[in-house]
Amino acid sequence: METNESKFGFVSFAETWNGRLAMLGFVIGVATEFLTGQGILSQIGLM
């Protein structure tokens, strides 16, 4: 059953995907720091 709920703004669909992508980004960031031995600021040249 399809609803007419919007896919943009603060709706359940958008918030679910925002949370999933945020968790994915965090895990990738931690894994990158572990594999390179450098923090995120060192990797982008700020430290």
PDB file of N, CA and C in Angstrom:
ATOM      1  N   MET A   1       0.838  -1.183   0.000  1.00  0.00           N
ATOM      2  CA  MET A   1       0.000   0.000   0.000  1.00  0.00           C
ATOM      3  C   MET A   1       0.882   1.244   0.000  1.00  0.00           C
ATOM      4  N   GLU A   2       0.677   2.124  -0.925  1.00  0.00           N
ATOM      5  CA  GLU A   2       1.475   3.337  -1.056  1.00  0.00           C
ATOM      6  C   GLU A   2       0.746   4.515  -0.426  1.00  0.00           C
ATOM      7  N   THR A   3       1.513   5.350   0.287  1.00  0.00           N
ATOM      8  CA  THR A   3       0.910   6.531   0.899  1.00  0.00           C
ATOM      9  C   THR A   3       1.365   7.773   0.144  1.00  0.00           C
ATOM     10  N   ASN A   4       0.737   8.878   0.400  1.00  0.00           N
ATOM     11  CA  ASN A   4       1.099  10.147  -0.223  1.00  0.00           C
ATOM     12  C   ASN A   4       2.056  10.948   0.648  1.00  0.00           C
ATOM     13  N   GLU A   5       2.720  10.280   1.591  1.00  0.00           N
ATOM     14  CA  GLU A   5       3.633  10.969   2.497  1.00  0.00           C
ATOM     15  C   GLU A   5       4.840  11.495   1.716  1.00  0.00           C
ATOM     16  N   SER A   6       5.252  12.707   2.033  1.00  0.00           N
ATOM     17  CA  SER A   6       6.390  13.320   1.373  1.00  0.00           C
ATOM     18  C   SER A   6       7.676  12.574   1.726  1.00  0.00           C
ATOM     19  N   LYS A   7       8.636  12.562   0.810  1.00  0.00           N
ATOM     20  CA  LYS A   7       9.921  11.920   1.050  1.00  0.00           C
ATOM     21  C   LYS A   7      10.974  12.931   1.510  1.00  0.00           C
ATOM     22  N   PHE A   8      10.598  14.201   1.709  1.00  0.00           N
ATOM     23  CA  PHE A   8      11.537  15.243   2.082  1.00  0.00           C
ATOM     24  C   PHE A   8      11.105  15.895   3.390  1.00  0.00           C
ATOM     25  N   GLY A   9      12.073  16.487   4.093  1.00  0.00           N
ATOM     26  CA  GLY A   9      11.776  17.146   5.353  1.00  0.00           C
ATOM     27  C   GLY A   9      11.932  16.186   6.521  1.00  0.00           C
ATOM     28  N   PHE A  10      11.374  16.529   7.654  1.00  0.00           N
ATOM     29  CA  PHE A  10      11.491  15.721   8.862  1.00  0.00           C
ATOM     30  C   PHE A  10      10.401  14.651   8.882  1.00  0.00           C
ATOM     31  N   VAL A  11      10.512  13.701   7.977  1.00  0.00           N
ATOM     32  CA  VAL A  11       9.562  12.597   7.922  1.00  0.00           C
ATOM     33  C   VAL A  11      10.309  11.315   8.259  1.00  0.00           C
ATOM     34  N   SER A  12       9.596  10.295   8.604  1.00  0.00           N
ATOM     35  CA  SER A  12      10.198   9.043   9.048  1.00  0.00           C
ATOM     36  C   SER A  12      11.165   8.466   8.012  1.00  0.00           C
ATOM     37  N   PHE A  13      10.780   8.475   6.748  1.00  0.00           N
ATOM     38  CA  PHE A  13      11.629   7.937   5.687  1.00  0.00           C
ATOM     39  C   PHE A  13      12.974   8.657   5.635  1.00  0.00           C
ATOM     40  N   ALA A  14      12.945   9.979   5.635  1.00  0.00           N
ATOM     41  CA  ALA A  14      14.171  10.770   5.546  1.00  0.00           C
ATOM     42  C   ALA A  14      15.035  10.587   6.794  1.00  0.00           C
ATOM     43  N   GLU A  15      14.423  10.569   7.951  1.00  0.00           N
ATOM     44  CA  GLU A  15      15.183  10.426   9.191  1.00  0.00           C
ATOM     45  C   GLU A  15      15.819   9.038   9.309  1.00  0.00           C
ATOM     46  N   THR A  16      15.134   8.020   8.830  1.00  0.00           N
ATOM     47  CA  THR A  16      15.700   6.665   8.849  1.00  0.00           C
ATOM     48  C   THR A  16      16.951   6.604   7.985  1.00  0.00           C
ATOM     49  N   TRP A  17      16.882   7.131   6.770  1.00  0.00           N
ATOM     50  CA  TRP A  17      18.038   7.100   5.883  1.00  0.00           C
ATOM     51  C   TRP A  17      19.149   8.012   6.374  1.00  0.00           C
ATOM     52  N   ASN A  18      18.810   9.138   6.976  1.00  0.00           N
ATOM     53  CA  ASN A  18      19.822  10.025   7.544  1.00  0.00           C
ATOM     54  C   ASN A  18      20.596   9.304   8.649  1.00  0.00           C
ATOM     55  N   GLY A  19      19.891   8.595   9.504  1.00  0.00           N
ATOM     56  CA  GLY A  19      20.551   7.845  10.569  1.00  0.00           C
ATOM     57  C   GLY A  19      21.437   6.736  10.036  1.00  0.00           C
ATOM     58  N   ARG A  20      20.960   6.016   9.033  1.00  0.00           N
ATOM     59  CA  ARG A  20      21.750   4.923   8.445  1.00  0.00           C
ATOM     60  C   ARG A  20      23.027   5.453   7.805  1.00  0.00           C
ATOM     61  N   LEU A  21      22.919   6.532   7.050  1.00  0.00           N
ATOM     62  CA  LEU A  21      24.095   7.083   6.384  1.00  0.00           C
ATOM     63  C   LEU A  21      25.068   7.702   7.389  1.00  0.00           C
ATOM     64  N   ALA A  22      24.552   8.277   8.467  1.00  0.00           N
ATOM     65  CA  ALA A  22      25.427   8.826   9.505  1.00  0.00           C
ATOM     66  C   ALA A  22      26.217   7.717  10.188  1.00  0.00           C
ATOM     67  N   MET A  23      25.551   6.595  10.474  1.00  0.00           N
ATOM     68  CA  MET A  23      26.253   5.459  11.087  1.00  0.00           C
ATOM     69  C   MET A  23      27.312   4.902  10.146  1.00  0.00           C
ATOM     70  N   LEU A  24      26.986   4.809   8.860  1.00  0.00           N
ATOM     71  CA  LEU A  24      27.940   4.324   7.870  1.00  0.00           C
ATOM     72  C   LEU A  24      29.149   5.247   7.782  1.00  0.00           C
ATOM     73  N   GLY A  25      28.915   6.543   7.752  1.00  0.00           N
ATOM     74  CA  GLY A  25      30.005   7.509   7.708  1.00  0.00           C
ATOM     75  C   GLY A  25      30.890   7.444   8.930  1.00  0.00           C
ATOM     76  N   PHE A  26      30.297   7.260  10.098  1.00  0.00           N
ATOM     77  CA  PHE A  26      31.083   7.154  11.330  1.00  0.00           C
ATOM     78  C   PHE A  26      31.978   5.921  11.300  1.00  0.00           C
ATOM     79  N   VAL A  27      31.433   4.784  10.887  1.00  0.00           N
ATOM     80  CA  VAL A  27      32.206   3.544  10.830  1.00  0.00           C
ATOM     81  C   VAL A  27      33.339   3.672   9.814  1.00  0.00           C
ATOM     82  N   ILE A  28      33.072   4.276   8.660  1.00  0.00           N
ATOM     83  CA  ILE A  28      34.125   4.467   7.654  1.00  0.00           C
ATOM     84  C   ILE A  28      35.210   5.391   8.190  1.00  0.00           C
ATOM     85  N   GLY A  29      34.820   6.438   8.912  1.00  0.00           N
ATOM     86  CA  GLY A  29      35.800   7.347   9.498  1.00  0.00           C
ATOM     87  C   GLY A  29      36.686   6.678  10.523  1.00  0.00           C
ATOM     88  N   VAL A  30      36.103   5.881  11.393  1.00  0.00           N
ATOM     89  CA  VAL A  30      36.885   5.169  12.412  1.00  0.00           C
ATOM     90  C   VAL A  30      37.803   4.140  11.747  1.00  0.00           C
ATOM     91  N   ALA A  31      37.301   3.424  10.750  1.00  0.00           N
ATOM     92  CA  ALA A  31      38.118   2.428  10.050  1.00  0.00           C
ATOM     93  C   ALA A  31      39.279   3.095   9.326  1.00  0.00           C
ATOM     94  N   THR A  32      39.044   4.240   8.716  1.00  0.00           N
ATOM     95  CA  THR A  32      40.110   4.959   8.019  1.00  0.00           C
ATOM     96  C   THR A  32      41.179   5.424   8.991  1.00  0.00           C
ATOM     97  N   GLU A  33      40.766   5.935  10.145  1.00  0.00           N
ATOM     98  CA  GLU A  33      41.745   6.339  11.156  1.00  0.00           C
ATOM     99  C   GLU A  33      42.548   5.141  11.642  1.00  0.00           C
ATOM    100  N   PHE A  34      41.896   4.010  11.830  1.00  0.00           N
ATOM    101  CA  PHE A  34      42.592   2.804  12.293  1.00  0.00           C
ATOM    102  C   PHE A  34      43.596   2.319  11.250  1.00  0.00           C
ATOM    103  N   LEU A  35      43.207   2.302   9.989  1.00  0.00           N
ATOM    104  CA  LEU A  35      44.071   1.779   8.938  1.00  0.00           C
ATOM    105  C   LEU A  35      45.239   2.702   8.602  1.00  0.00           C
ATOM    106  N   THR A  36      45.036   4.022   8.682  1.00  0.00           N
ATOM    107  CA  THR A  36      46.104   4.952   8.328  1.00  0.00           C
ATOM    108  C   THR A  36      46.947   5.363   9.525  1.00  0.00           C
ATOM    109  N   GLY A  37      46.405   5.241  10.724  1.00  0.00           N
ATOM    110  CA  GLY A  37      47.128   5.680  11.912  1.00  0.00           C
ATOM    111  C   GLY A  37      47.117   7.186  12.096  1.00  0.00           C
ATOM    112  N   GLN A  38      46.314   7.886  11.309  1.00  0.00           N
ATOM    113  CA  GLN A  38      46.221   9.341  11.422  1.00  0.00           C
ATOM    114  C   GLN A  38      44.778   9.717  11.723  1.00  0.00           C
ATOM    115  N   GLY A  39      44.613  10.814  12.442  1.00  0.00           N
ATOM    116  CA  GLY A  39      43.272  11.317  12.697  1.00  0.00           C
ATOM    117  C   GLY A  39      42.730  12.018  11.464  1.00  0.00           C
ATOM    118  N   ILE A  40      41.459  12.341  11.501  1.00  0.00           N
ATOM    119  CA  ILE A  40      40.809  12.957  10.348  1.00  0.00           C
ATOM    120  C   ILE A  40      41.426  14.320  10.022  1.00  0.00           C
ATOM    121  N   LEU A  41      41.793  15.095  11.032  1.00  0.00           N
ATOM    122  CA  LEU A  41      42.380  16.403  10.775  1.00  0.00           C
ATOM    123  C   LEU A  41      43.754  16.279  10.143  1.00  0.00           C
ATOM    124  N   SER A  42      44.527  15.276  10.510  1.00  0.00           N
ATOM    125  CA  SER A  42      45.827  15.044   9.886  1.00  0.00           C
ATOM    126  C   SER A  42      45.670  14.613   8.437  1.00  0.00           C
ATOM    127  N   GLN A  43      44.663  13.824   8.158  1.00  0.00           N
ATOM    128  CA  GLN A  43      44.453  13.339   6.799  1.00  0.00           C
ATOM    129  C   GLN A  43      44.109  14.472   5.835  1.00  0.00           C
ATOM    130  N   ILE A  44      43.380  15.463   6.297  1.00  0.00           N
ATOM    131  CA  ILE A  44      43.009  16.542   5.396  1.00  0.00           C
ATOM    132  C   ILE A  44      43.968  17.739   5.492  1.00  0.00           C
ATOM    133  N   GLY A  45      45.049  17.579   6.267  1.00  0.00           N
ATOM    134  CA  GLY A  45      46.117  18.578   6.297  1.00  0.00           C
ATOM    135  C   GLY A  45      45.912  19.741   7.234  1.00  0.00           C
ATOM    136  N   LEU A  46      45.041  19.618   8.232  1.00  0.00           N
ATOM    137  CA  LEU A  46      44.826  20.717   9.172  1.00  0.00           C
ATOM    138  C   LEU A  46      45.696  20.625  10.426  1.00  0.00           C
ATOM    139  N   MET A  47      46.392  19.522  10.590  1.00  0.00           N
ATOM    140  CA  MET A  47      47.275  19.366  11.752  1.00  0.00           C
ATOM    141  C   MET A  47      48.593  18.780  11.301  1.00  0.00           C
TER     142      MET A  47
END
